[in-house]
Amino acid sequence: MTIGSPKFLAGAALAFFLLAGSAALAKKVTVVPGDRPISVEIPAAWKVTTIDRGVQARTADEEIYLWFESYKPTQFDTLLGEHNAYFKEQGVKVTGEGQSKEVDFPTYALKVTEYPATYEGKPTVLRYLSVVPKVESHRHLLVSYWASPEGDKKYDAETNQIMNSLAASYDGK
């Protein structure tokens, strides 16, 4: 195959599109600043905004909201109080006790808590992920997830990619 052949040009164009397209598929966002920043890759179609302690990401149809908030351990109760007030203001009602799971990783501990909740009288998905680095001087991260059950299913693959990119960042990969 020669460089000027139609097959080569078609292959080159496809490779260019794939490479150019991959940059548009996700945007890298720093969620924990510092000497070793922690970042996450958010799909390009999602809207990302800066908030007091980090970033908020949401789908264009507002079916999923994700917050990545970096905090010091002494700020945790204040942070949860702010979340409780926000969800109350939005009309989200927690209807029972949260179910938690903890997993230990080499560089951090992860606690996932899912709360049974409703929004406008219908079930909603409310989940918190608390990431606690094993190095005491590093800031903690709270990832808050609020979604409709439909959005939770619809964006499952994208949400998993976001979380995998976060895990890779913590693992230093």
Protein backbone atom coordinates (compact mmCIF):
# COMPACT_ATOMS: atom_id res chain seq x y z
CA MET A 1 0.00 0.00 0.00
CA THR A 2 1.42 3.39 -0.93
CA ILE A 3 1.00 6.60 1.00
CA GLY A 4 -1.15 8.15 -1.73
CA SER A 5 -3.46 5.15 -2.17
CA PRO A 6 -7.15 5.53 -1.39
CA LYS A 7 -6.95 2.75 1.23
CA PHE A 8 -4.09 4.48 3.05
CA LEU A 9 -5.82 7.86 2.93
CA ALA A 10 -9.09 6.36 4.18
CA GLY A 11 -7.23 4.61 7.00
CA ALA A 12 -5.34 7.80 7.89
CA ALA A 13 -8.56 9.81 7.89
CA LEU A 14 -10.22 7.22 10.14
CA ALA A 15 -7.26 7.24 12.52
CA PHE A 16 -7.30 11.05 12.60
CA PHE A 17 -11.04 11.08 13.33
CA LEU A 18 -10.64 8.50 16.08
CA LEU A 19 -7.77 10.39 17.67
CA ALA A 20 -9.49 13.74 17.32
CA GLY A 21 -12.77 12.26 18.52
CA SER A 22 -11.22 10.71 21.60
CA ALA A 23 -10.16 14.13 22.83
CA ALA A 24 -13.77 15.29 22.50
CA LEU A 25 -15.11 12.23 24.31
CA ALA A 26 -13.90 13.35 27.72
CA LYS A 27 -12.45 16.33 29.49
CA LYS A 28 -9.95 15.90 32.29
CA VAL A 29 -10.94 17.83 35.41
CA THR A 30 -8.88 18.22 38.58
CA VAL A 31 -11.03 17.42 41.60
CA VAL A 32 -8.36 17.43 44.33
CA PRO A 33 -5.59 20.00 43.91
CA GLY A 34 -2.11 19.57 45.31
CA ASP A 35 1.31 18.16 44.63
CA ARG A 36 -0.30 15.04 43.27
CA PRO A 37 -3.59 16.29 41.89
CA ILE A 38 -6.47 13.87 41.57
CA SER A 39 -8.41 14.18 38.34
CA VAL A 40 -11.41 12.64 36.69
CA GLU A 41 -12.45 12.37 33.06
CA ILE A 42 -15.95 13.68 32.40
CA PRO A 43 -17.74 13.00 29.09
CA ALA A 44 -17.60 16.07 26.83
CA ALA A 45 -21.40 16.21 26.59
CA TRP A 46 -21.72 16.68 30.36
CA LYS A 47 -21.71 20.19 31.82
CA VAL A 48 -18.95 20.83 34.36
CA THR A 49 -18.98 23.79 36.73
CA THR A 50 -16.67 24.83 39.55
CA ILE A 51 -18.14 24.80 43.05
CA ASP A 52 -16.68 25.87 46.42
CA ARG A 53 -14.81 22.64 47.16
CA GLY A 54 -14.45 21.12 43.70
CA VAL A 55 -16.59 20.51 40.65
CA GLN A 56 -20.13 19.57 39.71
CA ALA A 57 -20.86 17.52 36.61
CA ARG A 58 -24.29 16.88 35.19
CA THR A 59 -25.78 15.34 32.09
CA ALA A 60 -27.31 17.69 29.52
CA ASP A 61 -30.78 16.32 30.36
CA GLU A 62 -30.12 16.79 34.11
CA GLU A 63 -30.83 13.14 34.86
CA ILE A 64 -27.55 12.79 36.78
CA TYR A 65 -25.70 15.19 39.05
CA LEU A 66 -22.23 14.37 40.37
CA TRP A 67 -20.29 16.47 42.85
CA PHE A 68 -16.59 15.98 43.56
CA GLU A 69 -15.67 17.87 46.72
CA SER A 70 -12.24 17.97 48.29
CA TYR A 71 -12.24 18.64 52.03
CA LYS A 72 -10.24 18.39 55.23
CA PRO A 73 -11.51 15.77 57.73
CA THR A 74 -12.60 18.53 60.14
CA GLN A 75 -14.95 19.90 57.43
CA PHE A 76 -16.89 16.65 56.92
CA ASP A 77 -19.85 17.41 59.22
CA THR A 78 -20.23 20.88 57.67
CA LEU A 79 -20.14 19.37 54.18
CA LEU A 80 -22.83 16.82 55.02
CA GLY A 81 -24.96 19.54 56.59
CA GLU A 82 -24.74 21.54 53.36
CA HIS A 83 -25.77 18.48 51.36
CA ASN A 84 -28.70 17.72 53.63
CA ALA A 85 -29.92 21.33 53.35
CA TYR A 86 -29.51 21.30 49.54
CA PHE A 87 -31.42 18.04 49.08
CA LYS A 88 -34.17 19.20 51.42
CA GLU A 89 -34.47 22.44 49.42
CA GLN A 90 -34.69 20.40 46.18
CA GLY A 91 -37.46 18.20 47.59
CA VAL A 92 -35.40 15.04 48.04
CA LYS A 93 -36.51 12.99 51.04
CA VAL A 94 -34.36 10.26 52.54
CA THR A 95 -36.79 7.46 53.43
CA GLY A 96 -34.58 5.10 55.43
CA GLU A 97 -31.13 4.26 56.72
CA GLY A 98 -28.19 4.32 54.36
CA GLN A 99 -26.54 1.03 53.39
CA SER A 100 -22.74 1.24 53.40
CA LYS A 101 -19.89 -0.83 52.02
CA GLU A 102 -16.22 -0.21 52.63
CA VAL A 103 -13.32 -1.31 50.45
CA ASP A 104 -9.65 -0.93 51.23
CA PHE A 105 -7.20 -0.12 48.41
CA PRO A 106 -3.41 0.29 48.60
CA THR A 107 -3.46 4.11 48.58
CA TYR A 108 -6.95 4.92 49.87
CA ALA A 109 -10.08 3.59 51.56
CA LEU A 110 -13.46 3.87 49.85
CA LYS A 111 -16.82 3.94 51.59
CA VAL A 112 -19.97 3.82 49.47
CA THR A 113 -23.28 4.69 51.10
CA GLU A 114 -26.59 4.46 49.27
CA TYR A 115 -29.70 6.07 50.72
CA PRO A 116 -33.28 5.12 49.90
CA ALA A 117 -34.84 8.41 48.79
CA THR A 118 -37.64 10.02 46.83
CA TYR A 119 -37.86 13.12 44.66
CA GLU A 120 -41.27 14.57 43.88
CA GLY A 121 -42.78 11.44 45.42
CA LYS A 122 -40.90 9.05 43.12
CA PRO A 123 -37.82 6.93 43.85
CA THR A 124 -34.49 8.63 43.23
CA VAL A 125 -30.89 7.43 43.46
CA LEU A 126 -28.79 9.08 46.16
CA ARG A 127 -25.29 7.78 46.75
CA TYR A 128 -22.13 9.04 48.45
CA LEU A 129 -18.59 7.83 47.91
CA SER A 130 -16.08 8.89 50.51
CA VAL A 131 -12.44 8.56 49.45
CA VAL A 132 -9.96 8.70 52.31
CA PRO A 133 -6.28 8.69 51.27
CA LYS A 134 -3.92 6.71 53.48
CA VAL A 135 -1.51 9.64 53.65
CA GLU A 136 -2.88 11.84 56.45
CA SER A 137 -1.78 15.12 54.86
CA HIS A 138 -3.84 14.47 51.70
CA ARG A 139 -7.31 15.93 51.38
CA HIS A 140 -10.34 13.67 51.42
CA LEU A 141 -12.88 13.51 48.61
CA LEU A 142 -16.64 13.19 48.77
CA VAL A 143 -18.36 12.15 45.55
CA SER A 144 -22.11 12.72 45.69
CA TYR A 145 -24.39 11.14 43.11
CA TRP A 146 -28.02 12.06 42.53
CA ALA A 147 -29.92 10.55 39.62
CA SER A 148 -33.30 9.50 38.41
CA PRO A 149 -33.61 5.71 38.19
CA GLU A 150 -33.90 6.07 34.40
CA GLY A 151 -30.81 8.29 34.19
CA ASP A 152 -28.94 5.90 36.46
CA LYS A 153 -29.51 3.13 33.92
CA LYS A 154 -29.11 5.29 30.81
CA TYR A 155 -25.74 6.73 31.88
CA ASP A 156 -24.40 3.68 33.72
CA ALA A 157 -21.51 3.12 31.29
CA GLU A 158 -20.47 6.78 31.32
CA THR A 159 -20.69 6.97 35.11
CA ASN A 160 -18.56 3.83 35.42
CA GLN A 161 -15.95 5.37 33.10
CA ILE A 162 -15.89 8.50 35.27
CA MET A 163 -15.40 6.44 38.43
CA ASN A 164 -12.74 4.28 36.79
CA SER A 165 -10.82 7.39 35.76
CA LEU A 166 -11.03 8.64 39.35
CA ALA A 167 -9.74 5.31 40.71
CA ALA A 168 -6.89 5.35 38.18
CA SER A 169 -5.94 8.84 39.29
CA TYR A 170 -5.83 7.77 42.95
CA ASP A 171 -3.83 4.68 42.04
CA GLY A 172 -1.35 6.84 40.13
CA LYS A 173 -2.03 5.21 36.76
